[in-house]
Amino acid sequence: MPILKNAWILVADDRIKEIGVGALPEDSRYDEAIDMEGKKLLPAFVDSHSHLVYAANREDEFAMRLSGKSYAEIAEAGGGILNSARKMTQASEEELLADARKRLSALVKMGTGTIEIKSGYGLSTETELKMLRVIRKLQAESPVSIKSTFLGAHALPEEYKGRVDDYINLVIEEMLPAVAEESLADYVDVFCEEGYFSLDQSMRVLEAAKAYGLSAKVHVNQFNSLGAIKPMVDMGAVSLDHLEVMDDAEVEYLAESQTIATALPGCSLFLDISYTPGRKLIDKGAALALATDLNPGSAPSGNMALMMGLACSQMKLRTEEALVAATLNGAAAMELSDDLGSLEQGKLANFLVLPQEFTLASIPYHMGHNLIEEVYLKGNKIV
């Protein structure tokens, strides 16, 4: 990883116009000089998998887990995604937007400058559209770069119990056309997992979404391997996310592809499940991204610095690898790496500032403590 010492960055019109080392240019190319002597500039974090828009926390389920209930047992008792869906139905668009703004502001203070946000707590056409409209409003008003993902096939609504294919038909025949008509999503996602949606059902949704120009970013291999990695790579999935359960053949196939492997270590920490085999994926040549999976049930932290710490301590990544996974590879998992994820000429001027006493290694070492002094997005100081 190249490190420039005694460097300067010339920013104009939201972007990095030039990078140099040594004395500042002695001409009138800049209107303002900001002295950051002794400090470190890093690219702002890119969180390529989140569920930022939700109606309420699920702290009661956390208490159930502490009393010995598993994630699956809580879901069977009416908790989990269906619990969030019930609360989502009751919340207004204005309430959702106000809460999402607060969460997003908190994430920016921790260094996140780009984020993907999924729907998936609606599970009806009306409520899925409501979530996606909230995401679109955030896109329009926030300095954060935001991509939107339609996750209608996140869980099976209670009224469709025993009729999974009927619900998949609803997602394909009613939800997808409505989402496309309003241009509300950049991607499509499905929870491909036992007890949720089979590989065949998942592929039906992903293939149908192609007709609307929606590429796939998919929940796979969280608790079980259903053989999804090969067909989803073959169909051109932009990223496959979770991947806590992988055999060697799946690791090699994904590593040899152009699909980004996205690890969500905050979920592994919170649910006490295995971690994505990040070390093995990188050693085989995969492009690994780190994301938070921020959601009210299984990953309530949106702190990307914590994800770096977990990636280093639990997934055995080196510090530099964790930074690339939390920035440039995350941008690639959102098809934004031409504009974001590194400090390069022509890219958006999204960077965070570490005080003089800290180094890059300080971020994973301090395990989520916010060391960031300032955050700049599109050249403007936000924090």
Protein backbone atom coordinates (compact mmCIF):
# COMPACT_ATOMS: atom_id res chain seq x y z
CA MET A 1 0.00 0.00 0.00
CA PRO A 2 1.57 3.31 -1.03
CA ILE A 3 1.99 5.81 1.80
CA LEU A 4 2.87 9.40 0.92
CA LYS A 5 4.69 11.46 3.54
CA ASN A 6 4.70 15.26 3.61
CA ALA A 7 1.97 15.13 0.97
CA TRP A 8 -0.71 17.52 -0.21
CA ILE A 9 -4.05 17.07 -1.97
CA LEU A 10 -5.63 19.68 -4.23
CA VAL A 11 -9.45 19.45 -4.10
CA ALA A 12 -11.90 21.19 -6.42
CA ASP A 13 -15.50 20.52 -7.47
CA ASP A 14 -15.89 17.62 -5.02
CA ARG A 15 -12.91 15.73 -6.42
CA ILE A 16 -9.19 15.21 -5.97
CA LYS A 17 -7.58 17.23 -8.75
CA GLU A 18 -3.97 16.54 -7.88
CA ILE A 19 -1.78 14.83 -5.27
CA GLY A 20 1.80 15.80 -4.59
CA VAL A 21 4.66 15.53 -2.11
CA GLY A 22 6.71 18.33 -0.60
CA ALA A 23 6.02 22.05 -0.71
CA LEU A 24 2.64 23.30 -1.86
CA PRO A 25 2.51 24.69 -5.38
CA GLU A 26 3.40 28.39 -5.25
CA ASP A 27 0.62 29.68 -7.47
CA SER A 28 -3.06 30.59 -7.28
CA ARG A 29 -4.52 27.17 -7.93
CA TYR A 30 -6.13 27.02 -4.49
CA ASP A 31 -8.30 29.43 -2.50
CA GLU A 32 -7.75 27.86 0.92
CA ALA A 33 -4.94 25.84 2.47
CA ILE A 34 -5.72 23.52 5.41
CA ASP A 35 -2.73 22.52 7.50
CA MET A 36 -2.81 18.89 8.67
CA GLU A 37 0.84 18.57 9.61
CA GLY A 38 1.55 15.29 11.40
CA LYS A 39 -1.94 13.91 10.78
CA LYS A 40 -2.91 10.95 8.63
CA LEU A 41 -5.45 11.04 5.80
CA LEU A 42 -7.22 7.83 4.83
CA PRO A 43 -10.07 7.16 2.39
CA ALA A 44 -13.47 7.31 4.09
CA PHE A 45 -15.04 3.95 4.88
CA VAL A 46 -17.38 2.26 2.40
CA ASP A 47 -20.11 0.12 3.97
CA SER A 48 -21.45 -2.04 1.15
CA HIS A 49 -24.11 -3.97 3.12
CA SER A 50 -26.52 -2.39 5.58
CA HIS A 51 -30.16 -2.34 6.66
CA LEU A 52 -30.03 1.26 7.91
CA VAL A 53 -33.76 1.95 7.48
CA TYR A 54 -35.79 0.16 10.14
CA ALA A 55 -38.62 1.02 12.50
CA ALA A 56 -37.40 -0.09 15.93
CA ASN A 57 -34.65 -1.89 17.78
CA ARG A 58 -35.05 -5.52 18.86
CA GLU A 59 -33.43 -5.36 22.27
CA ASP A 60 -36.09 -7.72 23.66
CA GLU A 61 -34.78 -10.43 21.33
CA PHE A 62 -31.28 -9.82 22.59
CA ALA A 63 -32.55 -10.57 26.08
CA MET A 64 -34.11 -13.79 24.75
CA ARG A 65 -30.76 -14.79 23.27
CA LEU A 66 -29.06 -14.15 26.59
CA SER A 67 -31.55 -16.52 28.19
CA GLY A 68 -30.52 -19.28 25.80
CA LYS A 69 -32.76 -18.93 22.73
CA SER A 70 -31.12 -19.33 19.33
CA TYR A 71 -31.61 -16.97 16.37
CA ALA A 72 -33.75 -19.65 14.68
CA GLU A 73 -35.87 -20.24 17.82
CA ILE A 74 -36.52 -16.51 18.17
CA ALA A 75 -37.60 -16.34 14.52
CA GLU A 76 -39.93 -19.33 14.96
CA ALA A 77 -41.51 -17.56 17.95
CA GLY A 78 -42.42 -14.54 15.80
CA GLY A 79 -39.22 -12.60 16.27
CA GLY A 80 -36.46 -11.86 13.80
CA ILE A 81 -37.18 -10.31 10.42
CA LEU A 82 -40.95 -10.73 10.80
CA ASN A 83 -40.82 -8.71 14.03
CA SER A 84 -39.12 -5.85 12.16
CA ALA A 85 -41.65 -6.20 9.34
CA ARG A 86 -44.60 -5.75 11.71
CA LYS A 87 -43.05 -2.61 13.16
CA MET A 88 -42.19 -1.32 9.69
CA THR A 89 -45.83 -1.55 8.61
CA GLN A 90 -46.86 0.67 11.52
CA ALA A 91 -44.24 3.38 10.95
CA SER A 92 -44.81 6.37 8.69
CA GLU A 93 -42.38 7.37 5.96
CA GLU A 94 -41.59 10.56 7.88
CA GLU A 95 -40.76 8.63 11.05
CA LEU A 96 -38.52 6.22 9.16
CA LEU A 97 -36.70 9.06 7.44
CA ALA A 98 -36.10 10.95 10.70
CA ASP A 99 -34.67 7.86 12.42
CA ALA A 100 -32.54 6.94 9.40
CA ARG A 101 -31.07 10.45 9.27
CA LYS A 102 -29.92 10.13 12.88
CA ARG A 103 -28.31 6.76 12.27
CA LEU A 104 -26.59 7.96 9.11
CA SER A 105 -25.24 11.04 10.89
CA ALA A 106 -23.77 8.80 13.59
CA LEU A 107 -22.09 6.61 10.96
CA VAL A 108 -20.50 9.61 9.25
CA LYS A 109 -18.95 10.64 12.56
CA MET A 110 -17.35 7.18 12.64
CA GLY A 111 -15.90 7.65 9.15
CA THR A 112 -18.45 6.14 6.77
CA GLY A 113 -18.75 8.12 3.55
CA THR A 114 -20.50 5.60 1.31
CA ILE A 115 -23.21 3.07 2.16
CA GLU A 116 -25.56 0.57 0.59
CA ILE A 117 -29.02 0.38 2.19
CA LYS A 118 -31.48 -2.48 1.69
CA SER A 119 -35.22 -2.75 1.97
CA GLY A 120 -36.53 -6.09 3.23
CA TYR A 121 -38.53 -5.24 6.34
CA GLY A 122 -41.65 -4.48 4.32
CA LEU A 123 -42.54 -7.89 2.87
CA SER A 124 -45.49 -6.32 1.08
CA THR A 125 -45.45 -4.20 -2.04
CA GLU A 126 -46.66 -1.06 -0.27
CA THR A 127 -44.22 -1.27 2.63
CA GLU A 128 -41.21 -2.29 0.52
CA LEU A 129 -41.85 0.76 -1.66
CA LYS A 130 -42.12 2.90 1.48
CA MET A 131 -38.67 1.77 2.61
CA LEU A 132 -37.14 2.36 -0.80
CA ARG A 133 -38.64 5.85 -1.01
CA VAL A 134 -37.00 6.68 2.31
CA ILE A 135 -33.67 5.49 0.93
CA ARG A 136 -34.18 7.62 -2.17
CA LYS A 137 -34.80 10.71 0.00
CA LEU A 138 -31.59 10.00 1.89
CA GLN A 139 -29.76 9.73 -1.43
CA ALA A 140 -31.08 13.14 -2.48
CA GLU A 141 -30.27 15.04 0.71
CA SER A 142 -27.13 13.46 2.15
CA PRO A 143 -23.46 14.11 1.31
CA VAL A 144 -22.98 10.36 1.79
CA SER A 145 -22.91 8.35 -1.45
CA ILE A 146 -25.78 5.84 -1.18
CA LYS A 147 -26.84 2.81 -3.23
CA SER A 148 -30.25 1.19 -2.78
CA THR A 149 -31.04 -2.55 -2.84
CA PHE A 150 -34.47 -4.18 -3.13
CA LEU A 151 -34.69 -7.14 -0.72
CA GLY A 152 -38.34 -8.16 -0.98
CA ALA A 153 -37.37 -11.83 -0.56
CA HIS A 154 -35.90 -11.35 2.92
CA ALA A 155 -38.31 -13.59 4.83
CA LEU A 156 -41.70 -15.23 4.32
CA PRO A 157 -44.63 -13.12 5.59
CA GLU A 158 -46.89 -14.87 8.09
CA GLU A 159 -49.87 -14.82 5.73
CA TYR A 160 -47.84 -16.81 3.18
CA LYS A 161 -46.87 -19.61 5.55
CA GLY A 162 -46.71 -22.84 3.55
CA ARG A 163 -46.94 -20.89 0.27
CA VAL A 164 -43.38 -19.83 -0.43
CA ASP A 165 -43.71 -19.99 -4.21
CA ASP A 166 -46.79 -17.77 -4.08
CA TYR A 167 -44.77 -15.14 -2.26
CA ILE A 168 -41.92 -15.44 -4.76
CA ASN A 169 -44.50 -14.88 -7.51
CA LEU A 170 -45.63 -11.71 -5.69
CA VAL A 171 -42.04 -10.46 -5.51
CA ILE A 172 -41.49 -11.12 -9.22
CA GLU A 173 -44.85 -10.15 -10.68
CA GLU A 174 -45.87 -7.23 -8.47
CA MET A 175 -42.99 -5.88 -6.37
CA LEU A 176 -40.24 -5.85 -8.99
CA PRO A 177 -42.30 -3.98 -11.62
CA ALA A 178 -43.39 -1.41 -9.02
CA VAL A 179 -39.81 -0.88 -7.84
CA ALA A 180 -38.61 -0.50 -11.41
CA GLU A 181 -41.41 1.89 -12.37
CA GLU A 182 -40.23 4.39 -9.74
CA SER A 183 -36.50 3.62 -10.27
CA LEU A 184 -36.15 2.94 -6.54
CA ALA A 185 -33.34 0.36 -6.52
CA ASP A 186 -29.84 -0.12 -7.88
CA TYR A 187 -29.63 -3.82 -6.97
CA VAL A 188 -31.70 -6.84 -5.98
CA ASP A 189 -31.02 -9.18 -3.06
CA VAL A 190 -32.48 -12.44 -1.70
CA PHE A 191 -31.90 -14.28 1.59
CA CYS A 192 -30.86 -17.65 0.17
CA GLU A 193 -30.86 -19.85 3.26
CA GLU A 194 -32.61 -22.83 4.86
CA GLY A 195 -35.90 -21.71 6.36
CA TYR A 196 -36.03 -18.68 4.06
CA PHE A 197 -35.65 -19.09 0.28
CA SER A 198 -34.21 -22.02 -1.65
CA LEU A 199 -31.58 -21.71 -4.34
CA ASP A 200 -34.19 -22.24 -7.04
CA GLN A 201 -36.52 -19.60 -5.60
CA SER A 202 -33.63 -17.18 -5.15
CA MET A 203 -32.44 -17.62 -8.72
CA ARG A 204 -35.96 -17.01 -10.02
CA VAL A 205 -35.97 -13.58 -8.35
CA LEU A 206 -32.44 -12.70 -9.44
CA GLU A 207 -33.07 -13.73 -13.05
CA ALA A 208 -36.35 -11.81 -13.15
CA ALA A 209 -34.60 -8.69 -11.83
CA LYS A 210 -32.20 -8.73 -14.79
CA ALA A 211 -35.04 -7.60 -17.06
CA TYR A 212 -35.21 -4.39 -15.02
CA GLY A 213 -31.47 -3.79 -15.06
CA LEU A 214 -30.97 -4.82 -11.44
CA SER A 215 -27.76 -6.72 -10.70
CA ALA A 216 -27.47 -9.08 -7.75
CA LYS A 217 -25.94 -8.53 -4.30
CA VAL A 218 -26.99 -11.62 -2.37
CA HIS A 219 -27.21 -13.01 1.18
CA VAL A 220 -25.66 -16.51 0.89
CA ASN A 221 -23.96 -19.18 3.01
CA GLN A 222 -24.71 -17.58 6.38
CA PHE A 223 -25.74 -20.76 8.20
CA ASN A 224 -25.69 -23.40 5.45
CA SER A 225 -24.28 -23.92 1.99
CA LEU A 226 -27.09 -24.47 -0.52
CA GLY A 227 -24.79 -24.60 -3.53
CA ALA A 228 -25.55 -20.98 -4.42
CA ILE A 229 -22.07 -19.61 -5.01
CA LYS A 230 -21.39 -21.15 -8.45
CA PRO A 231 -24.71 -20.24 -10.12
CA MET A 232 -24.71 -16.76 -8.64
CA VAL A 233 -21.15 -16.10 -9.72
CA ASP A 234 -22.01 -17.47 -13.17
CA MET A 235 -24.97 -15.08 -13.46
CA GLY A 236 -22.66 -12.14 -12.71
CA ALA A 237 -23.53 -11.26 -9.11
CA VAL A 238 -21.75 -8.07 -8.09
CA SER A 239 -21.20 -9.38 -4.57
CA LEU A 240 -22.01 -12.39 -2.42
CA ASP A 241 -22.43 -11.43 1.23
CA HIS A 242 -22.13 -13.27 4.58
CA LEU A 243 -20.23 -16.42 3.45
CA GLU A 244 -19.67 -17.64 6.99
CA VAL A 245 -20.04 -21.27 5.83
CA MET A 246 -17.86 -22.19 2.83
CA ASP A 247 -16.07 -25.31 1.66
CA ASP A 248 -12.74 -25.19 -0.17
CA ALA A 249 -14.31 -25.58 -3.61
CA GLU A 250 -16.61 -22.62 -2.98
CA VAL A 251 -13.71 -20.50 -1.78
CA GLU A 252 -11.71 -21.26 -4.92
CA TYR A 253 -14.61 -20.67 -7.30
CA LEU A 254 -15.46 -17.32 -5.77
CA ALA A 255 -11.79 -16.31 -5.60
CA GLU A 256 -11.35 -16.94 -9.32
CA SER A 257 -14.35 -14.77 -10.24
CA GLN A 258 -15.02 -11.06 -10.57
CA THR A 259 -17.65 -11.23 -7.80
CA ILE A 260 -16.73 -9.45 -4.57
CA ALA A 261 -16.78 -11.58 -1.40
CA THR A 262 -18.33 -9.46 1.36
CA ALA A 263 -17.73 -10.38 5.00
CA LEU A 264 -19.97 -9.13 7.81
CA PRO A 265 -17.96 -9.74 11.00
CA GLY A 266 -20.31 -7.71 13.19
CA CYS A 267 -23.01 -10.30 12.58
CA SER A 268 -20.64 -13.13 13.47
CA LEU A 269 -19.72 -11.34 16.70
CA PHE A 270 -23.30 -10.60 17.72
CA LEU A 271 -24.78 -14.01 16.84
CA ASP A 272 -21.68 -15.94 17.98
CA ILE A 273 -21.38 -17.78 14.68
CA SER A 274 -18.36 -18.53 12.51
CA TYR A 275 -16.56 -15.77 10.64
CA THR A 276 -16.16 -15.55 6.88
CA PRO A 277 -12.85 -17.27 5.98
CA GLY A 278 -11.28 -13.97 4.96
CA ARG A 279 -7.68 -15.11 5.20
CA LYS A 280 -8.33 -18.11 2.98
CA LEU A 281 -10.30 -16.04 0.44
CA ILE A 282 -7.54 -13.45 0.14
CA ASP A 283 -4.81 -16.08 -0.11
CA LYS A 284 -6.72 -17.68 -3.00
CA GLY A 285 -6.97 -14.32 -4.77
CA ALA A 286 -10.47 -13.12 -3.91
CA ALA A 287 -11.38 -9.47 -3.57
CA LEU A 288 -12.72 -9.27 -0.02
CA ALA A 289 -14.92 -6.42 1.23
CA LEU A 290 -15.91 -5.65 4.81
CA ALA A 291 -19.33 -4.27 5.71
CA THR A 292 -21.36 -3.85 8.89
CA ASP A 293 -24.70 -5.56 8.07
CA LEU A 294 -26.14 -2.85 10.36
CA ASN A 295 -29.62 -4.06 11.36
CA PRO A 296 -31.74 -4.24 14.52
CA GLY A 297 -31.65 -8.01 14.94
CA SER A 298 -28.29 -9.59 14.16
CA ALA A 299 -25.76 -6.76 13.71
CA PRO A 300 -26.64 -3.58 15.62
CA SER A 301 -23.27 -1.86 15.10
CA GLY A 302 -22.54 0.36 12.12
CA ASN A 303 -18.94 0.99 13.17
CA MET A 304 -16.59 0.17 10.28
CA ALA A 305 -13.52 0.58 12.50
CA LEU A 306 -14.87 -2.27 14.63
CA MET A 307 -15.29 -4.37 11.47
CA MET A 308 -11.61 -3.77 10.71
CA GLY A 309 -10.67 -4.82 14.22
CA LEU A 310 -12.70 -8.03 13.98
CA ALA A 311 -11.30 -8.77 10.53
CA CYS A 312 -7.76 -8.53 11.89
CA SER A 313 -8.29 -10.36 15.18
CA GLN A 314 -10.79 -13.02 14.10
CA MET A 315 -10.34 -13.38 10.32
CA LYS A 316 -6.54 -12.94 10.42
CA LEU A 317 -6.31 -10.07 7.95
CA ARG A 318 -3.36 -7.70 8.01
CA THR A 319 -4.12 -4.07 8.78
CA GLU A 320 -3.59 -2.95 5.18
CA GLU A 321 -5.83 -5.73 3.89
CA ALA A 322 -8.56 -4.72 6.32
CA LEU A 323 -8.38 -1.09 5.19
CA VAL A 324 -8.64 -2.06 1.50
CA ALA A 325 -11.57 -4.34 2.35
CA ALA A 326 -13.29 -1.49 4.22
CA THR A 327 -12.73 1.05 1.44
CA LEU A 328 -11.74 0.19 -2.15
CA ASN A 329 -13.20 -3.33 -2.25
CA GLY A 330 -16.38 -2.11 -0.61
CA ALA A 331 -16.65 0.49 -3.34
CA ALA A 332 -16.16 -2.27 -5.93
CA ALA A 333 -19.01 -4.19 -4.28
CA MET A 334 -21.20 -1.18 -5.14
CA GLU A 335 -19.64 -0.62 -8.58
CA LEU A 336 -18.22 2.70 -7.36
CA SER A 337 -14.49 1.99 -7.29
CA ASP A 338 -13.84 4.37 -10.20
CA ASP A 339 -15.02 7.23 -7.97
CA LEU A 340 -14.50 6.11 -4.37
CA GLY A 341 -12.52 3.92 -2.01
CA SER A 342 -9.01 5.35 -2.38
CA LEU A 343 -7.21 8.68 -2.50
CA GLU A 344 -6.47 9.03 -6.20
CA GLN A 345 -6.56 11.81 -8.72
CA GLY A 346 -10.03 12.18 -10.20
CA LYS A 347 -11.87 10.42 -7.39
CA LEU A 348 -14.31 12.04 -4.99
CA ALA A 349 -12.55 13.77 -2.09
CA ASN A 350 -13.88 11.49 0.64
CA PHE A 351 -11.36 11.09 3.43
CA LEU A 352 -10.99 10.89 7.17
CA VAL A 353 -8.29 12.39 9.36
CA LEU A 354 -6.45 10.64 12.19
CA PRO A 355 -4.69 12.77 14.81
CA GLN A 356 -0.89 12.77 15.00
CA GLU A 357 -0.65 10.20 17.78
CA PHE A 358 -2.43 7.46 15.81
CA THR A 359 -1.41 5.23 12.90
CA LEU A 360 -3.31 2.97 10.54
CA ALA A 361 -2.70 0.07 12.93
CA SER A 362 -4.40 2.06 15.69
CA ILE A 363 -7.80 1.55 14.02
CA PRO A 364 -8.06 -2.25 14.43
CA TYR A 365 -6.02 -2.18 17.63
CA HIS A 366 -8.50 0.03 19.46
CA MET A 367 -11.40 -2.26 18.41
CA GLY A 368 -14.04 0.25 17.45
CA HIS A 369 -13.05 3.25 19.52
CA ASN A 370 -13.61 6.31 17.33
CA LEU A 371 -10.16 7.79 16.67
CA ILE A 372 -11.30 10.00 13.80
CA GLU A 373 -10.74 13.72 14.20
CA GLU A 374 -12.35 14.98 10.99
CA VAL A 375 -14.37 13.62 8.07
CA TYR A 376 -14.47 15.21 4.61
CA LEU A 377 -17.03 14.14 2.00
CA LYS A 378 -16.85 15.48 -1.56
CA GLY A 379 -14.24 17.95 -0.34
CA ASN A 380 -16.41 19.43 2.40
CA LYS A 381 -15.75 19.06 6.10
CA ILE A 382 -18.71 17.15 7.60
CA VAL A 383 -17.28 16.33 11.04
